[in-house]
Amino acid sequence: MAAIQWDLTRWEQEQREQRRPAPRPLRVVTAPPSQRRPSPALLRRRRLVALVVALAIVVSVGAGLVRWATASAAAGVTHAAPTVLVAQPGDSYWTLAGRLGIGGDRRSVVDALVAANGGGDLHAGDRIVLPR
């Protein structure tokens, strides 16, 4: 199958160009400003949506600040080394509880000291860990 291509004669080309109108220059056309005002109901809805969005932003920022503050406070907490006393000759759990000066019943302080240190006998030079 052969392809056939017709060449236009010079006269045919001139005729086509004469039939085609010359292109007009483009110009910028702007739309006239709208004279319609939104209805009061539409304005109320827009304000309500804006208020809800603003409240959501404030709540999320506040929650983020609270999380940041609690995380910062928790990160700054370090566990202090336990307080240790060295028993002197003649010391007992009872005398150590009196020396600590914790108000209330001294028996509960003695029980806490015994529990924190394994409940063994107290000898001079023993390290006594004070309960918190």
N, C-alpha and C. Protein backbone atom coordinates (compact mmCIF):
# COMPACT_ATOMS: atom_id res chain seq x y z
N MET A 1 0.84 -1.16 0.00
CA MET A 1 0.00 0.00 0.00
C MET A 1 0.89 1.24 0.00
N ALA A 2 0.57 2.14 -0.82
CA ALA A 2 1.39 3.34 -0.98
C ALA A 2 0.68 4.52 -0.35
N ALA A 3 1.44 5.43 0.19
CA ALA A 3 0.89 6.65 0.76
C ALA A 3 0.96 7.76 -0.27
N ILE A 4 -0.09 8.51 -0.36
CA ILE A 4 -0.14 9.60 -1.33
C ILE A 4 -0.22 10.90 -0.56
N GLN A 5 0.63 11.82 -0.90
CA GLN A 5 0.64 13.12 -0.26
C GLN A 5 0.42 14.17 -1.34
N TRP A 6 -0.54 15.00 -1.11
CA TRP A 6 -0.85 16.06 -2.07
C TRP A 6 -0.15 17.33 -1.63
N ASP A 7 0.52 17.93 -2.52
CA ASP A 7 1.15 19.23 -2.25
C ASP A 7 0.21 20.31 -2.74
N LEU A 8 0.05 21.32 -1.89
CA LEU A 8 -0.80 22.43 -2.29
C LEU A 8 -0.01 23.34 -3.23
N THR A 9 -0.70 23.85 -4.18
CA THR A 9 -0.06 24.80 -5.08
C THR A 9 0.03 26.14 -4.37
N ARG A 10 0.81 27.03 -4.91
CA ARG A 10 0.98 28.34 -4.30
C ARG A 10 -0.37 29.07 -4.26
N TRP A 11 -1.16 28.93 -5.26
CA TRP A 11 -2.46 29.59 -5.32
C TRP A 11 -3.37 29.07 -4.21
N GLU A 12 -3.37 27.73 -3.97
CA GLU A 12 -4.21 27.14 -2.92
C GLU A 12 -3.76 27.62 -1.53
N GLN A 13 -2.48 27.74 -1.33
CA GLN A 13 -1.98 28.23 -0.06
C GLN A 13 -2.40 29.67 0.19
N GLU A 14 -2.34 30.51 -0.83
CA GLU A 14 -2.75 31.91 -0.69
C GLU A 14 -4.24 32.01 -0.39
N GLN A 15 -5.04 31.14 -1.03
CA GLN A 15 -6.47 31.16 -0.78
C GLN A 15 -6.79 30.77 0.66
N ARG A 16 -6.10 29.80 1.16
CA ARG A 16 -6.33 29.37 2.56
C ARG A 16 -5.93 30.48 3.52
N GLU A 17 -4.82 31.13 3.29
CA GLU A 17 -4.36 32.20 4.17
C GLU A 17 -5.32 33.39 4.14
N GLN A 18 -5.94 33.64 2.96
CA GLN A 18 -6.88 34.76 2.88
C GLN A 18 -8.18 34.46 3.62
N ARG A 19 -8.59 33.20 3.66
CA ARG A 19 -9.83 32.84 4.36
C ARG A 19 -9.65 32.89 5.88
N ARG A 20 -8.48 32.65 6.35
CA ARG A 20 -8.21 32.62 7.78
C ARG A 20 -8.04 34.06 8.28
N PRO A 21 -8.85 34.47 9.27
CA PRO A 21 -8.68 35.84 9.76
C PRO A 21 -7.38 35.98 10.55
N ALA A 22 -6.87 37.17 10.55
CA ALA A 22 -5.63 37.44 11.30
C ALA A 22 -5.91 37.32 12.80
N PRO A 23 -4.99 36.77 13.54
CA PRO A 23 -5.21 36.62 14.99
C PRO A 23 -5.26 37.98 15.67
N ARG A 24 -6.21 38.11 16.59
CA ARG A 24 -6.34 39.35 17.35
C ARG A 24 -5.38 39.32 18.54
N PRO A 25 -4.86 40.45 18.94
CA PRO A 25 -3.99 40.46 20.11
C PRO A 25 -4.80 40.13 21.37
N LEU A 26 -4.17 39.43 22.30
CA LEU A 26 -4.83 39.06 23.54
C LEU A 26 -4.91 40.27 24.47
N ARG A 27 -5.97 40.34 25.22
CA ARG A 27 -6.10 41.40 26.22
C ARG A 27 -6.58 40.78 27.52
N VAL A 28 -6.19 41.37 28.62
CA VAL A 28 -6.55 40.87 29.94
C VAL A 28 -7.91 41.42 30.31
N VAL A 29 -8.79 40.52 30.68
CA VAL A 29 -10.14 40.91 31.08
C VAL A 29 -10.35 40.47 32.51
N THR A 30 -10.73 41.37 33.37
CA THR A 30 -11.00 41.01 34.77
C THR A 30 -12.50 40.97 34.99
N ALA A 31 -12.88 40.13 35.91
CA ALA A 31 -14.30 40.02 36.23
C ALA A 31 -14.69 41.20 37.12
N PRO A 32 -15.89 41.69 36.97
CA PRO A 32 -16.31 42.78 37.85
C PRO A 32 -16.44 42.28 39.28
N PRO A 33 -16.21 43.15 40.25
CA PRO A 33 -16.34 42.71 41.65
C PRO A 33 -17.77 42.28 41.94
N SER A 34 -17.85 41.27 42.80
CA SER A 34 -19.17 40.74 43.14
C SER A 34 -19.91 41.71 44.04
N GLN A 35 -21.17 41.91 43.74
CA GLN A 35 -21.98 42.81 44.54
C GLN A 35 -22.79 42.06 45.58
N ARG A 36 -22.71 40.71 45.55
CA ARG A 36 -23.49 39.92 46.51
C ARG A 36 -22.76 39.84 47.83
N ARG A 37 -23.48 40.01 48.88
CA ARG A 37 -22.91 39.82 50.22
C ARG A 37 -23.38 38.47 50.73
N PRO A 38 -22.50 37.76 51.46
CA PRO A 38 -22.94 36.47 52.01
C PRO A 38 -24.07 36.68 53.01
N SER A 39 -24.91 35.68 53.11
CA SER A 39 -26.04 35.77 54.03
C SER A 39 -25.54 35.73 55.48
N PRO A 40 -26.29 36.27 56.41
CA PRO A 40 -25.88 36.22 57.83
C PRO A 40 -25.70 34.79 58.34
N ALA A 41 -26.52 33.86 57.86
CA ALA A 41 -26.37 32.47 58.30
C ALA A 41 -25.03 31.90 57.85
N LEU A 42 -24.63 32.22 56.62
CA LEU A 42 -23.35 31.74 56.11
C LEU A 42 -22.20 32.35 56.91
N LEU A 43 -22.31 33.62 57.24
CA LEU A 43 -21.27 34.26 58.05
C LEU A 43 -21.17 33.61 59.43
N ARG A 44 -22.31 33.27 60.04
CA ARG A 44 -22.30 32.61 61.35
C ARG A 44 -21.62 31.25 61.26
N ARG A 45 -21.93 30.50 60.20
CA ARG A 45 -21.30 29.18 60.03
C ARG A 45 -19.79 29.31 59.86
N ARG A 46 -19.38 30.30 59.07
CA ARG A 46 -17.94 30.50 58.88
C ARG A 46 -17.26 30.85 60.19
N ARG A 47 -17.88 31.71 60.97
CA ARG A 47 -17.30 32.08 62.27
C ARG A 47 -17.25 30.89 63.22
N LEU A 48 -18.28 30.05 63.19
CA LEU A 48 -18.30 28.87 64.05
C LEU A 48 -17.19 27.90 63.66
N VAL A 49 -17.01 27.70 62.36
CA VAL A 49 -15.94 26.80 61.91
C VAL A 49 -14.58 27.37 62.31
N ALA A 50 -14.39 28.67 62.16
CA ALA A 50 -13.12 29.30 62.55
C ALA A 50 -12.89 29.15 64.05
N LEU A 51 -13.94 29.29 64.85
CA LEU A 51 -13.81 29.14 66.30
C LEU A 51 -13.44 27.70 66.67
N VAL A 52 -14.08 26.73 66.03
CA VAL A 52 -13.77 25.32 66.33
C VAL A 52 -12.33 25.00 65.95
N VAL A 53 -11.87 25.49 64.81
CA VAL A 53 -10.49 25.25 64.39
C VAL A 53 -9.51 25.90 65.37
N ALA A 54 -9.80 27.13 65.78
CA ALA A 54 -8.93 27.83 66.73
C ALA A 54 -8.88 27.09 68.07
N LEU A 55 -10.03 26.62 68.56
CA LEU A 55 -10.04 25.88 69.82
C LEU A 55 -9.27 24.57 69.70
N ALA A 56 -9.40 23.89 68.58
CA ALA A 56 -8.66 22.64 68.39
C ALA A 56 -7.15 22.90 68.40
N ILE A 57 -6.74 23.98 67.79
CA ILE A 57 -5.32 24.32 67.79
C ILE A 57 -4.85 24.65 69.20
N VAL A 58 -5.62 25.43 69.94
CA VAL A 58 -5.23 25.79 71.30
C VAL A 58 -5.16 24.56 72.20
N VAL A 59 -6.12 23.65 72.09
CA VAL A 59 -6.13 22.44 72.92
C VAL A 59 -4.94 21.56 72.57
N SER A 60 -4.65 21.39 71.30
CA SER A 60 -3.53 20.51 70.92
C SER A 60 -2.19 21.12 71.34
N VAL A 61 -2.05 22.43 71.22
CA VAL A 61 -0.81 23.06 71.67
C VAL A 61 -0.69 22.96 73.19
N GLY A 62 -1.79 23.16 73.90
CA GLY A 62 -1.76 23.03 75.36
C GLY A 62 -1.41 21.62 75.80
N ALA A 63 -1.99 20.61 75.13
CA ALA A 63 -1.67 19.22 75.48
C ALA A 63 -0.20 18.92 75.20
N GLY A 64 0.31 19.46 74.10
CA GLY A 64 1.73 19.26 73.79
C GLY A 64 2.63 19.90 74.83
N LEU A 65 2.26 21.09 75.28
CA LEU A 65 3.07 21.76 76.32
C LEU A 65 3.03 21.00 77.63
N VAL A 66 1.86 20.45 77.99
CA VAL A 66 1.76 19.68 79.22
C VAL A 66 2.64 18.43 79.13
N ARG A 67 2.56 17.73 77.97
CA ARG A 67 3.40 16.54 77.78
C ARG A 67 4.87 16.90 77.84
N TRP A 68 5.23 18.02 77.21
CA TRP A 68 6.62 18.43 77.21
C TRP A 68 7.09 18.77 78.63
N ALA A 69 6.25 19.46 79.39
CA ALA A 69 6.62 19.85 80.75
C ALA A 69 6.77 18.63 81.65
N THR A 70 5.84 17.67 81.53
CA THR A 70 5.94 16.49 82.38
C THR A 70 7.12 15.62 81.96
N ALA A 71 7.41 15.56 80.66
CA ALA A 71 8.56 14.78 80.21
C ALA A 71 9.85 15.43 80.68
N SER A 72 9.90 16.77 80.64
CA SER A 72 11.09 17.47 81.11
C SER A 72 11.28 17.29 82.60
N ALA A 73 10.19 17.33 83.35
CA ALA A 73 10.29 17.16 84.79
C ALA A 73 10.71 15.74 85.13
N ALA A 74 10.18 14.76 84.41
CA ALA A 74 10.53 13.38 84.68
C ALA A 74 11.98 13.10 84.27
N ALA A 75 12.45 13.76 83.21
CA ALA A 75 13.82 13.54 82.76
C ALA A 75 14.81 14.13 83.76
N GLY A 76 14.42 15.20 84.45
CA GLY A 76 15.32 15.83 85.39
C GLY A 76 15.42 15.12 86.73
N VAL A 77 14.54 14.16 86.99
CA VAL A 77 14.55 13.44 88.26
C VAL A 77 15.67 12.42 88.24
N THR A 78 16.52 12.50 89.20
CA THR A 78 17.58 11.51 89.34
C THR A 78 17.37 10.81 90.66
N HIS A 79 17.68 9.57 90.67
CA HIS A 79 17.56 8.81 91.91
C HIS A 79 18.81 9.04 92.73
N ALA A 80 18.62 9.67 93.90
CA ALA A 80 19.75 9.97 94.76
C ALA A 80 20.23 8.68 95.43
N ALA A 81 21.50 8.67 95.71
CA ALA A 81 22.07 7.52 96.39
C ALA A 81 21.44 7.41 97.78
N PRO A 82 21.23 6.19 98.25
CA PRO A 82 20.62 6.04 99.57
C PRO A 82 21.54 6.59 100.66
N THR A 83 20.92 7.11 101.71
CA THR A 83 21.69 7.63 102.84
C THR A 83 22.13 6.46 103.71
N VAL A 84 23.41 6.46 104.03
CA VAL A 84 23.99 5.34 104.79
C VAL A 84 24.63 5.89 106.06
N LEU A 85 24.36 5.24 107.18
CA LEU A 85 25.01 5.56 108.45
C LEU A 85 25.95 4.42 108.81
N VAL A 86 27.03 4.74 109.48
CA VAL A 86 27.95 3.70 109.96
C VAL A 86 27.70 3.54 111.45
N ALA A 87 27.43 2.30 111.84
CA ALA A 87 27.10 2.03 113.25
C ALA A 87 28.36 2.17 114.12
N GLN A 88 28.19 2.84 115.23
CA GLN A 88 29.28 3.02 116.20
C GLN A 88 29.11 2.00 117.33
N PRO A 89 30.15 1.80 118.09
CA PRO A 89 30.00 0.85 119.21
C PRO A 89 28.90 1.33 120.15
N GLY A 90 28.03 0.41 120.55
CA GLY A 90 26.93 0.70 121.46
C GLY A 90 25.65 1.13 120.75
N ASP A 91 25.69 1.27 119.42
CA ASP A 91 24.47 1.64 118.69
C ASP A 91 23.54 0.45 118.54
N SER A 92 22.26 0.76 118.51
CA SER A 92 21.23 -0.25 118.23
C SER A 92 20.23 0.41 117.27
N TYR A 93 19.37 -0.41 116.73
CA TYR A 93 18.35 0.14 115.84
C TYR A 93 17.49 1.18 116.59
N TRP A 94 17.28 0.93 117.85
CA TRP A 94 16.46 1.82 118.65
C TRP A 94 17.14 3.18 118.80
N THR A 95 18.44 3.19 119.11
CA THR A 95 19.15 4.47 119.28
C THR A 95 19.28 5.20 117.94
N LEU A 96 19.47 4.45 116.84
CA LEU A 96 19.54 5.07 115.51
C LEU A 96 18.19 5.72 115.15
N ALA A 97 17.08 5.03 115.48
CA ALA A 97 15.76 5.59 115.20
C ALA A 97 15.54 6.85 116.01
N GLY A 98 16.03 6.90 117.24
CA GLY A 98 15.91 8.11 118.06
C GLY A 98 16.79 9.23 117.52
N ARG A 99 17.98 8.90 116.99
CA ARG A 99 18.88 9.90 116.47
C ARG A 99 18.35 10.53 115.17
N LEU A 100 17.55 9.76 114.41
CA LEU A 100 17.00 10.29 113.16
C LEU A 100 15.98 11.38 113.42
N GLY A 101 15.35 11.37 114.56
CA GLY A 101 14.42 12.43 114.93
C GLY A 101 13.13 12.44 114.14
N ILE A 102 12.73 11.29 113.63
CA ILE A 102 11.47 11.22 112.91
C ILE A 102 10.36 11.18 113.93
N GLY A 103 9.41 12.09 113.78
CA GLY A 103 8.32 12.15 114.73
C GLY A 103 7.41 10.93 114.62
N GLY A 104 6.63 10.69 115.63
CA GLY A 104 5.70 9.57 115.60
C GLY A 104 6.24 8.42 116.44
N ASP A 105 5.71 7.25 116.16
CA ASP A 105 6.07 6.05 116.92
C ASP A 105 7.45 5.56 116.48
N ARG A 106 8.38 5.44 117.46
CA ARG A 106 9.74 5.01 117.15
C ARG A 106 9.78 3.56 116.72
N ARG A 107 8.78 2.75 117.13
CA ARG A 107 8.77 1.33 116.78
C ARG A 107 8.62 1.14 115.26
N SER A 108 7.83 1.98 114.62
CA SER A 108 7.67 1.85 113.16
C SER A 108 8.97 2.22 112.44
N VAL A 109 9.73 3.18 112.97
CA VAL A 109 11.02 3.54 112.37
C VAL A 109 12.01 2.40 112.55
N VAL A 110 12.02 1.78 113.73
CA VAL A 110 12.92 0.63 113.98
C VAL A 110 12.57 -0.51 113.04
N ASP A 111 11.28 -0.78 112.86
CA ASP A 111 10.87 -1.85 111.94
C ASP A 111 11.32 -1.56 110.52
N ALA A 112 11.22 -0.30 110.07
CA ALA A 112 11.66 0.06 108.73
C ALA A 112 13.17 -0.07 108.59
N LEU A 113 13.94 0.30 109.62
CA LEU A 113 15.39 0.15 109.58
C LEU A 113 15.79 -1.32 109.50
N VAL A 114 15.14 -2.15 110.30
CA VAL A 114 15.46 -3.59 110.29
C VAL A 114 15.12 -4.19 108.93
N ALA A 115 13.96 -3.81 108.35
CA ALA A 115 13.56 -4.36 107.05
C ALA A 115 14.51 -3.89 105.94
N ALA A 116 14.98 -2.65 106.00
CA ALA A 116 15.84 -2.12 104.96
C ALA A 116 17.24 -2.71 105.01
N ASN A 117 17.64 -3.25 106.16
CA ASN A 117 19.01 -3.74 106.32
C ASN A 117 19.08 -5.24 106.53
N GLY A 118 18.06 -5.95 106.23
CA GLY A 118 18.12 -7.41 106.27
C GLY A 118 17.75 -8.03 107.60
N GLY A 119 17.55 -7.27 108.62
CA GLY A 119 17.07 -7.79 109.90
C GLY A 119 18.11 -8.47 110.76
N GLY A 120 19.39 -8.37 110.41
CA GLY A 120 20.42 -9.03 111.22
C GLY A 120 20.79 -8.19 112.43
N ASP A 121 21.69 -8.75 113.25
CA ASP A 121 22.17 -8.02 114.41
C ASP A 121 23.03 -6.84 113.95
N LEU A 122 23.09 -5.83 114.81
CA LEU A 122 23.84 -4.63 114.48
C LEU A 122 25.16 -4.66 115.22
N HIS A 123 26.27 -4.46 114.46
CA HIS A 123 27.61 -4.46 115.03
C HIS A 123 28.29 -3.14 114.66
N ALA A 124 29.32 -2.79 115.43
CA ALA A 124 30.07 -1.56 115.16
C ALA A 124 30.70 -1.67 113.78
N GLY A 125 30.56 -0.57 112.97
CA GLY A 125 31.13 -0.53 111.62
C GLY A 125 30.17 -0.98 110.54
N ASP A 126 28.99 -1.51 110.92
CA ASP A 126 28.00 -1.90 109.90
C ASP A 126 27.46 -0.65 109.21
N ARG A 127 27.21 -0.80 107.93
CA ARG A 127 26.60 0.30 107.17
C ARG A 127 25.09 0.12 107.19
N ILE A 128 24.40 1.12 107.71
CA ILE A 128 22.95 1.07 107.87
C ILE A 128 22.32 1.97 106.78
N VAL A 129 21.53 1.35 105.93
CA VAL A 129 20.84 2.11 104.89
C VAL A 129 19.54 2.64 105.49
N LEU A 130 19.34 3.96 105.35
CA LEU A 130 18.13 4.57 105.89
C LEU A 130 16.99 4.43 104.86
N PRO A 131 15.84 3.96 105.32
CA PRO A 131 14.72 3.82 104.39
C PRO A 131 14.17 5.20 104.02
N ARG A 132 13.54 5.26 102.86
CA ARG A 132 12.97 6.53 102.41
C ARG A 132 11.55 6.65 102.86
